[in-house]
Protein backbone atom coordinates (compact mmCIF):
# COMPACT_ATOMS: atom_id res chain seq x y z
CA MET A 1 0.00 0.00 0.00
CA LEU A 2 1.09 3.57 -0.60
CA LYS A 3 2.56 5.42 2.37
CA LYS A 4 0.19 7.79 4.14
CA GLY A 5 2.00 11.00 3.14
CA LEU A 6 2.27 9.94 -0.49
CA ARG A 7 -1.40 8.97 -0.53
CA ILE A 8 -2.41 12.41 0.70
CA VAL A 9 -0.29 14.10 -1.98
CA LEU A 10 -1.78 11.89 -4.70
CA ILE A 11 -5.31 12.59 -3.53
CA LEU A 12 -4.62 16.33 -3.68
CA ILE A 13 -3.14 15.95 -7.17
CA ILE A 14 -6.15 14.06 -8.52
CA ALA A 15 -8.53 16.53 -6.88
CA CYS A 16 -6.84 19.36 -8.76
CA PHE A 17 -6.48 17.18 -11.84
CA CYS A 18 -10.21 16.60 -12.18
CA PHE A 19 -11.95 19.47 -10.44
CA LEU A 20 -9.78 22.59 -10.85
CA ASN A 21 -11.62 25.91 -10.54
CA VAL A 22 -14.88 24.27 -9.38
CA ALA A 23 -16.57 25.64 -6.26
CA TYR A 24 -18.48 23.00 -4.30
CA GLY A 25 -21.28 23.36 -1.83
CA GLU A 26 -20.55 22.29 1.72
CA ASP A 27 -23.13 19.52 1.94
CA LYS A 28 -22.96 16.15 0.26
CA ALA A 29 -25.87 14.57 -1.57
CA ILE A 30 -26.63 11.13 -3.00
CA ILE A 31 -27.94 10.74 -6.53
CA LEU A 32 -29.40 7.29 -6.98
CA VAL A 33 -31.26 5.43 -9.69
CA THR A 34 -34.29 3.34 -8.71
CA SER A 35 -36.75 1.21 -10.67
CA ASN A 36 -40.30 0.00 -10.16
CA GLN A 37 -39.13 -3.56 -11.01
CA ASP A 38 -35.86 -5.45 -10.59
CA LYS A 39 -36.67 -8.26 -13.03
CA ILE A 40 -38.76 -8.09 -16.17
CA GLU A 41 -39.29 -10.03 -19.38
CA LYS A 42 -38.60 -8.93 -22.95
CA GLY A 43 -41.30 -6.61 -24.25
CA GLU A 44 -42.26 -5.35 -20.80
CA GLU A 45 -41.88 -1.74 -19.71
CA ILE A 46 -40.01 -0.36 -16.72
CA GLU A 47 -39.82 3.00 -14.96
CA ILE A 48 -36.39 4.32 -14.00
CA THR A 49 -36.37 7.20 -11.52
CA VAL A 50 -33.47 9.50 -10.67
CA LYS A 51 -33.59 10.70 -7.04
CA ILE A 52 -31.61 13.00 -4.76
CA GLU A 53 -31.17 12.39 -1.04
CA GLY A 54 -29.56 14.50 1.66
CA LYS A 55 -29.87 17.85 -0.13
CA LYS A 56 -32.20 19.94 -2.27
CA THR A 57 -31.32 20.97 -5.82
CA SER A 58 -32.59 24.00 -7.71
CA ALA A 59 -30.88 23.19 -11.03
CA PHE A 60 -29.19 20.20 -12.59
CA ASP A 61 -27.75 18.90 -15.84
CA PHE A 62 -27.13 15.13 -16.01
CA SER A 63 -26.75 12.14 -18.33
CA LEU A 64 -28.47 8.81 -17.71
CA TYR A 65 -26.49 5.96 -19.31
CA PHE A 66 -28.19 2.71 -20.35
CA ASP A 67 -27.49 -0.31 -22.57
CA ASN A 68 -29.27 0.58 -25.80
CA SER A 69 -28.76 -2.97 -27.10
CA LYS A 70 -31.14 -4.20 -24.38
CA TRP A 71 -33.46 -1.21 -23.85
CA ASP A 72 -35.65 1.03 -26.00
CA TYR A 73 -36.21 4.49 -24.52
CA ILE A 74 -39.93 5.26 -24.91
CA SER A 75 -40.55 8.38 -22.80
CA LYS A 76 -41.24 11.76 -24.36
CA ILE A 77 -40.06 14.26 -21.76
CA GLU A 78 -39.27 17.92 -22.32
CA ASN A 79 -35.71 19.15 -21.77
CA THR A 80 -34.26 15.79 -22.87
CA ASN A 81 -32.01 14.71 -25.71
CA VAL A 82 -31.06 11.10 -26.53
CA LEU A 83 -27.59 10.32 -27.89
CA GLU A 84 -27.05 6.60 -28.49
CA ASN A 85 -26.77 5.08 -24.97
CA ARG A 86 -27.41 8.19 -22.88
CA ILE A 87 -30.22 10.60 -22.11
CA LEU A 88 -29.30 14.25 -21.52
CA PHE A 89 -31.65 16.03 -19.12
CA VAL A 90 -31.61 19.61 -17.81
CA TRP A 91 -33.91 21.32 -15.28
CA PHE A 92 -33.93 24.53 -13.24
CA ASP A 93 -36.26 26.03 -10.67
CA GLU A 94 -38.26 28.86 -12.24
CA LYS A 95 -39.26 30.11 -8.77
CA GLY A 96 -35.73 31.10 -7.90
CA GLY A 97 -35.15 28.47 -5.23
CA GLU A 98 -38.65 28.10 -3.76
CA GLY A 99 -39.27 25.05 -5.93
CA ALA A 100 -35.98 23.28 -5.17
CA LYS A 101 -36.38 19.49 -5.40
CA GLN A 102 -35.61 16.65 -3.03
CA GLY A 103 -36.49 13.01 -3.58
CA ASP A 104 -37.74 12.06 -7.06
CA LEU A 105 -36.33 14.28 -9.81
CA VAL A 106 -37.55 12.64 -13.02
CA THR A 107 -38.85 9.26 -14.21
CA PHE A 108 -37.99 7.68 -17.58
CA LYS A 109 -39.71 4.75 -19.28
CA PHE A 110 -37.95 1.94 -21.13
CA ARG A 111 -39.02 -1.23 -22.95
CA ALA A 112 -36.86 -4.38 -22.64
CA LYS A 113 -35.73 -5.92 -25.91
CA GLU A 114 -32.93 -8.42 -25.02
CA ASP A 115 -32.22 -10.73 -22.09
CA GLY A 116 -29.36 -9.97 -19.72
CA LEU A 117 -28.23 -8.14 -16.58
CA THR A 118 -27.98 -4.39 -17.22
CA SER A 119 -27.29 -1.25 -15.24
CA PHE A 120 -28.38 2.40 -15.31
CA GLN A 121 -25.86 5.08 -14.25
CA VAL A 122 -26.12 8.84 -13.78
CA GLU A 123 -23.38 11.46 -14.09
CA GLY A 124 -23.78 15.24 -14.08
CA ASP A 125 -23.86 18.52 -12.17
CA PHE A 126 -26.35 19.46 -9.45
CA TYR A 127 -26.69 22.90 -7.82
CA ASP A 128 -28.21 24.10 -4.55
CA GLN A 129 -30.46 27.17 -4.01
CA LYS A 130 -27.41 29.45 -3.87
CA GLY A 131 -25.98 28.22 -7.16
CA ASN A 132 -23.21 26.15 -5.52
CA LEU A 133 -22.18 22.90 -7.20
CA LEU A 134 -23.08 20.02 -4.88
CA ARG A 135 -20.71 17.23 -3.96
CA ILE A 136 -22.37 14.01 -5.10
CA ASP A 137 -22.18 10.26 -4.52
CA PHE A 138 -23.71 8.47 -7.52
CA LYS A 139 -25.48 5.11 -7.06
CA GLU A 140 -26.37 2.95 -10.06
CA LYS A 141 -29.21 0.46 -10.50
CA GLN A 142 -29.08 -3.06 -11.95
CA VAL A 143 -32.06 -4.70 -13.63
CA ARG A 144 -32.34 -8.21 -15.03
CA ILE A 145 -34.17 -8.90 -18.27
CA GLY A 146 -35.32 -12.50 -18.68
CA LYS A 147 -35.19 -15.49 -16.36
CA GLU A 148 -33.00 -15.65 -13.27
CA GLU A 149 -29.77 -17.58 -13.55
CA SER A 150 -30.99 -20.19 -11.05
CA ASN A 151 -33.82 -21.02 -13.45
CA LEU A 152 -31.58 -21.34 -16.47
CA LEU A 153 -30.44 -24.78 -15.37
CA ASN A 154 -34.04 -26.04 -15.62
CA GLN A 155 -34.69 -24.85 -19.16
CA GLU A 156 -35.64 -27.48 -21.69
CA LYS A 157 -33.22 -28.10 -24.54
CA GLU A 158 -35.87 -27.21 -27.13
CA GLU A 159 -35.75 -23.60 -25.93
CA GLY A 160 -32.47 -23.38 -27.76
CA SER A 161 -34.32 -23.34 -31.07
CA ASN A 162 -35.69 -19.92 -30.13
CA ARG A 163 -32.20 -18.52 -29.68
CA GLN A 164 -29.63 -17.62 -32.33
CA GLU A 165 -27.74 -20.71 -33.43
CA GLY A 166 -24.61 -18.59 -33.77
CA ASN A 167 -24.73 -17.40 -30.13
CA ALA A 168 -21.50 -18.23 -28.27
CA ASN A 169 -22.01 -16.05 -25.17
CA LEU A 170 -22.23 -17.10 -21.55
CA GLN A 171 -25.33 -16.19 -19.56
CA ALA A 172 -23.76 -16.88 -16.16
CA LEU A 173 -20.37 -17.64 -14.65
CA ARG A 174 -20.03 -18.75 -11.03
CA LEU A 175 -17.19 -20.16 -8.90
CA ASP A 176 -17.21 -21.92 -5.54
CA ARG A 177 -14.70 -19.28 -4.36
CA GLU A 178 -15.37 -15.62 -3.63
CA GLY A 179 -13.28 -12.72 -4.86
CA ILE A 180 -13.49 -12.93 -8.65
CA THR A 181 -13.31 -9.56 -10.42
CA PRO A 182 -14.88 -7.92 -12.29
CA ASP A 183 -18.55 -8.82 -11.92
CA PHE A 184 -19.63 -11.12 -14.71
CA SER A 185 -20.90 -9.72 -18.00
CA PRO A 186 -21.29 -11.67 -21.28
CA GLU A 187 -19.17 -9.04 -23.05
CA ILE A 188 -16.24 -9.25 -20.61
CA TYR A 189 -13.85 -12.13 -21.33
CA GLU A 190 -11.05 -11.70 -18.73
CA TYR A 191 -11.46 -12.25 -14.97
CA TYR A 192 -9.09 -12.33 -11.99
CA LEU A 193 -8.91 -14.24 -8.72
CA THR A 194 -6.39 -14.74 -5.89
CA ILE A 195 -6.60 -17.89 -3.75
CA PRO A 196 -4.54 -19.36 -0.84
CA THR A 197 -2.05 -22.18 -1.42
CA ASN A 198 -4.24 -24.86 0.20
CA ILE A 199 -6.77 -24.73 -2.68
CA GLN A 200 -6.24 -27.44 -5.28
CA GLU A 201 -9.38 -27.15 -7.39
CA ILE A 202 -12.08 -24.61 -8.28
CA GLU A 203 -15.58 -25.63 -9.29
CA VAL A 204 -16.80 -23.58 -12.25
CA LEU A 205 -20.46 -23.17 -13.23
CA ALA A 206 -20.77 -21.77 -16.76
CA ILE A 207 -24.19 -21.43 -18.44
CA SER A 208 -24.50 -20.44 -22.08
CA GLU A 209 -27.19 -18.12 -23.46
CA ASN A 210 -28.05 -20.82 -25.97
CA PRO A 211 -28.52 -24.05 -23.97
CA ASN A 212 -27.42 -26.07 -27.00
CA ALA A 213 -24.04 -24.38 -27.29
CA THR A 214 -20.97 -26.45 -26.35
CA ILE A 215 -18.95 -25.45 -23.25
CA GLN A 216 -15.49 -26.79 -22.42
CA ILE A 217 -13.77 -25.89 -19.12
CA THR A 218 -10.05 -26.50 -18.57
CA GLY A 219 -7.39 -25.47 -16.06
CA ASN A 220 -9.55 -25.54 -12.92
CA THR A 221 -7.92 -28.63 -11.34
CA ASN A 222 -4.45 -29.41 -9.97
CA LEU A 223 -3.80 -25.71 -9.34
CA GLN A 224 -0.13 -24.84 -8.83
CA ASN A 225 1.49 -22.09 -6.80
CA GLY A 226 1.76 -18.97 -8.94
CA LEU A 227 -0.36 -18.15 -11.99
CA ASN A 228 -3.04 -20.52 -13.30
CA ILE A 229 -5.35 -19.92 -16.26
CA ILE A 230 -8.88 -21.32 -16.26
CA THR A 231 -10.37 -21.36 -19.75
CA ILE A 232 -14.08 -21.56 -20.60
CA GLN A 233 -14.59 -22.02 -24.32
CA VAL A 234 -18.09 -21.61 -25.75
CA VAL A 235 -18.87 -22.87 -29.27
CA SER A 236 -22.19 -21.92 -30.87
CA LEU A 237 -24.75 -24.51 -31.95
CA ASP A 238 -23.97 -24.04 -35.63
CA GLU A 239 -20.21 -24.05 -34.82
CA THR A 240 -19.68 -20.75 -36.62
CA GLN A 241 -18.84 -18.71 -33.50
CA SER A 242 -16.54 -19.28 -30.55
CA ASN A 243 -15.82 -17.21 -27.45
CA THR A 244 -13.14 -17.86 -24.84
CA TYR A 245 -13.55 -16.60 -21.27
CA THR A 246 -10.45 -16.77 -19.04
CA ILE A 247 -9.92 -16.54 -15.28
CA GLN A 248 -6.38 -15.67 -14.20
CA VAL A 249 -5.97 -17.37 -10.83
CA THR A 250 -3.00 -16.44 -8.63
CA LYS A 251 -2.28 -19.06 -5.97
CA THR A 252 -0.30 -17.49 -3.14
CA ASP A 253 -0.30 -16.76 0.59
CA ASP A 254 1.25 -13.31 0.06
CA THR A 255 -1.70 -11.35 -1.33
CA GLU A 256 0.17 -8.04 -1.27
CA LEU A 257 2.79 -9.33 -3.72
CA ALA A 258 -0.13 -10.30 -5.96
CA ASN A 259 -1.88 -6.92 -5.65
CA THR A 260 -2.95 -5.70 -9.11
CA ASN A 261 -5.42 -3.06 -7.91
CA LEU A 262 -5.29 0.61 -8.82
CA GLU A 263 -5.47 3.34 -6.19
CA ILE A 264 -6.50 5.94 -8.75
CA LEU A 265 -7.60 5.86 -12.38
CA ALA A 266 -8.47 9.18 -14.02
CA ILE A 267 -8.21 10.89 -17.38
CA GLU A 268 -7.69 14.64 -17.55
CA ASN A 269 -10.90 16.48 -18.53
CA VAL A 270 -12.64 13.16 -19.29
CA LEU A 271 -15.48 11.52 -17.34
CA LEU A 272 -15.27 7.76 -16.74
CA VAL A 273 -18.57 5.87 -16.89
CA PRO A 274 -19.20 4.32 -14.48
CA PRO A 275 -16.98 6.05 -11.89
CA PHE A 276 -13.74 4.19 -11.13
CA ASP A 277 -14.02 1.19 -8.86
CA ASN A 278 -11.50 -1.67 -8.51
CA SER A 279 -14.33 -4.19 -8.83
CA ARG A 280 -14.74 -3.00 -12.45
CA THR A 281 -12.26 -3.33 -15.28
CA ASN A 282 -14.29 -1.97 -18.20
CA TYR A 283 -15.32 1.67 -18.66
CA GLN A 284 -16.59 4.10 -21.29
CA ALA A 285 -15.73 7.71 -22.04
CA GLN A 286 -16.40 10.40 -24.65
CA ILE A 287 -13.96 13.08 -25.77
CA THR A 288 -14.13 16.16 -27.96
CA ASN A 289 -13.18 16.19 -31.61
CA GLU A 290 -10.18 18.39 -30.77
CA GLN A 291 -8.62 15.79 -28.45
CA ASN A 292 -6.02 13.60 -30.13
CA ASP A 293 -4.18 12.40 -27.02
CA LEU A 294 -5.13 11.60 -23.42
CA ASN A 295 -3.38 12.35 -20.14
CA VAL A 296 -3.95 9.27 -17.99
CA LEU A 297 -3.29 9.07 -14.24
CA ALA A 298 -3.07 5.44 -13.06
CA ILE A 299 -1.61 4.86 -9.58
CA PRO A 300 -1.33 1.27 -8.22
CA GLU A 301 -2.21 0.37 -4.63
CA ASN A 302 1.17 -1.30 -4.24
CA GLU A 303 3.87 1.21 -5.14
CA ARG A 304 6.10 -1.62 -6.42
CA ALA A 305 3.56 -2.67 -9.05
CA ILE A 306 4.20 -1.65 -12.67
CA VAL A 307 1.60 0.17 -14.75
CA THR A 308 1.67 0.32 -18.55
CA VAL A 309 -0.75 2.42 -20.62
CA THR A 310 -1.46 1.88 -24.33
CA GLY A 311 -3.89 3.46 -26.78
CA LYS A 312 -3.81 7.00 -25.34
CA ASP A 313 -2.22 8.73 -28.34
CA ASN A 314 -3.33 9.54 -31.90
CA LEU A 315 -6.98 8.75 -31.26
CA LYS A 316 -9.19 8.43 -34.32
CA GLU A 317 -12.78 9.60 -34.70
CA GLY A 318 -15.19 7.00 -33.39
CA ASN A 319 -14.26 4.14 -31.06
CA ASN A 320 -10.79 3.74 -29.51
CA LEU A 321 -9.52 1.27 -26.90
CA LEU A 322 -7.42 2.52 -23.98
CA GLU A 323 -5.74 -0.24 -21.95
CA ILE A 324 -4.07 0.03 -18.54
CA VAL A 325 -2.23 -3.11 -17.40
CA VAL A 326 -1.10 -3.49 -13.78
CA THR A 327 1.65 -6.04 -13.12
CA ALA A 328 1.93 -7.05 -9.46
CA PRO A 329 5.28 -7.03 -7.59
CA ASN A 330 5.48 -10.82 -8.02
CA GLY A 331 6.00 -10.20 -11.74
CA PHE A 332 3.32 -12.54 -13.09
CA SER A 333 -0.06 -11.48 -11.66
CA LYS A 334 -1.69 -8.95 -14.00
CA LYS A 335 -4.97 -7.08 -14.33
CA LYS A 336 -6.15 -5.25 -17.42
CA PHE A 337 -8.39 -2.17 -17.24
CA GLN A 338 -10.05 -1.08 -20.48
CA VAL A 339 -11.72 2.19 -21.43
CA GLU A 340 -13.75 2.43 -24.63
CA VAL A 341 -13.07 6.01 -25.69
CA TYR A 342 -15.39 7.55 -28.26
CA ARG A 343 -14.03 10.60 -30.07
CA ARG A 344 -16.83 12.67 -31.57
CA ASN A 345 -16.65 13.71 -35.22
CA GLU A 346 -17.06 17.35 -36.26
CA GLU A 347 -20.83 17.11 -36.76
CA GLU A 348 -21.34 15.32 -33.43
CA GLU A 349 -19.08 17.85 -31.72
CA LYS A 350 -21.08 20.75 -33.11
CA ARG A 351 -24.37 19.20 -31.97
CA TYR A 352 -22.90 18.39 -28.56
CA GLN A 353 -21.62 21.95 -28.02
CA GLU A 354 -24.99 23.39 -29.08
CA GLU A 355 -26.74 21.19 -26.54
CA ARG A 356 -24.27 22.15 -23.83
CA GLN A 357 -24.82 25.84 -24.67
CA LEU A 358 -28.58 25.41 -24.33
CA GLN A 359 -28.08 23.70 -20.99
CA LYS A 360 -25.71 26.46 -19.87
CA GLU A 361 -28.22 29.16 -20.84
CA ALA A 362 -30.97 27.31 -19.00
CA LEU A 363 -28.84 27.16 -15.85
CA GLU A 364 -27.82 30.81 -16.18
CA GLU A 365 -31.49 31.74 -16.55
CA ALA A 366 -32.19 29.79 -13.37
CA TYR A 367 -29.55 31.80 -11.52
CA GLU A 368 -30.85 35.09 -12.95
CA ILE A 369 -34.34 34.22 -11.74
CA GLU A 370 -32.93 33.34 -8.33
CA GLU A 371 -30.96 36.62 -8.16
CA LEU A 372 -34.04 38.59 -9.29
CA SER A 373 -36.10 36.89 -6.60
CA SER A 374 -33.44 37.78 -4.03
CA ASP A 375 -33.39 41.40 -5.27
CA ILE A 376 -37.18 41.61 -5.03
CA GLU A 377 -37.09 40.26 -1.48
CA GLU A 378 -34.38 42.78 -0.59
CA VAL A 379 -36.38 45.67 -2.09
CA GLN A 380 -39.48 44.53 -0.25
CA GLU A 381 -37.50 44.36 3.00
CA VAL A 382 -36.08 47.86 2.46
CA ALA A 383 -39.55 49.17 1.55
CA THR A 384 -40.97 47.65 4.73
CA ILE A 385 -38.25 49.31 6.80
CA GLU A 386 -38.79 52.67 5.08
CA GLN A 387 -42.54 52.36 5.51
CA THR A 388 -42.06 51.56 9.19
CA LYS A 389 -39.83 54.60 9.55
CA LYS A 390 -42.39 56.75 7.70
CA TYR A 391 -45.28 55.73 9.96
CA GLY A 392 -43.00 56.09 12.95
CA PHE A 393 -42.26 59.70 12.04
CA ILE A 394 -45.97 60.39 11.49
CA PHE A 395 -46.94 58.91 14.85
CA ALA A 396 -44.09 60.76 16.55
CA GLY A 397 -45.22 64.03 14.91
CA ILE A 398 -48.79 63.48 16.00
CA ALA A 399 -47.67 62.74 19.57
CA ILE A 400 -45.44 65.81 19.75
CA GLY A 401 -48.18 68.02 18.26
CA THR A 402 -50.67 66.70 20.79
CA VAL A 403 -48.32 67.48 23.69
CA ILE A 404 -47.70 71.00 22.38
CA LEU A 405 -51.44 71.59 21.92
CA VAL A 406 -52.17 70.45 25.49
CA VAL A 407 -49.48 72.75 26.84
CA ILE A 408 -50.86 75.73 24.90
CA VAL A 409 -54.46 75.05 26.02
CA ARG A 410 -53.39 74.78 29.66
CA TRP A 411 -51.40 78.01 29.37
CA ILE A 412 -54.43 79.84 27.88
CA TRP A 413 -56.71 78.60 30.67
CA LYS A 414 -54.22 79.76 33.28
CA ARG A 415 -54.08 83.26 31.71
CA LYS A 416 -57.85 83.48 31.73
CA GLY A 417 -57.97 82.42 35.38
CA ALA A 418 -55.42 85.04 36.36
CA LYS A 419 -57.42 87.89 34.74
CA LYS A 420 -60.49 86.98 36.72
């Protein structure tokens, strides 16, 4: 692990690296995604709600990311734009802070179109009633489309005729040992696990999306000290497609020498989706058309580990693959982190900047309304004070006049009495 002083310095560096010139509000809020169902079937509809807890927000600008290969977005909500796998949404309080929101912010509707385990993530900026940018913890939501994995084992073989004969994906991957990373996904083919030296065998449960596909598992018995590779090969029913899933198993009693985790992973001026977490190895990001190269900050948990970065230079328009490989101090344990970086073309960049400008203007309008409301309240307060002063002077004048009148009347009566 990194020494305490060095850790503090690195945390300060990354804070400046990612959030320079941004003023945060003092309070911290949680932005979470919820759903009205956790499991649905293909063709069914689901409601996904974005909520805020712990703080009110008077303006926000966020993106909701979803798997557009498994979901159709069917809502028609104002102030939204849909770009491939994300929904852009902007809102501001027209009452200048009186209508600040807490709890549910907005609800989107989707229709399921493919089986699988999917997640919804939110990233964006949220502001309080004073226009301060809130510090946020983002919480994602997972939803399963189709049958649960426990039921897959009971499916009849004839169900395979309803699936693509060329499907060579796994539906589920389970071990009798905990600690495998990352969480399973049919599109992720490399996994990592560290086990103690007394383990000789690992039981592997692999279930294919097409029950009639062929699965062959090797390397999970007679495990040796050091690096072992478990291979799960899936061959489609028509034998035209083949996918190979691997689990890199390090057998050792010194887990620190086998540490392949990152302390920090960040890209300058680029947002990782989802936010960095060592339990994940695959991420997505979008960059501007003007960006050709990336500045990557990748710090390992063990300072003796070696980090290599490839794919950060000379990025082309469209999809690019950034890879960060961490080699543990033992020299053979490795973990690969991948970021799919999409560089927008000129037309996409123009449309993106126009949308950002509209969002900026909407937020600025929200602040102007809030300032106007504050000015009105200040004027009303001043007017109240002036009015109070005015009536005070009037009452004081009346009182003084009354006293003077009484004195004069008494003086006149005394004069009259003296003459008599």
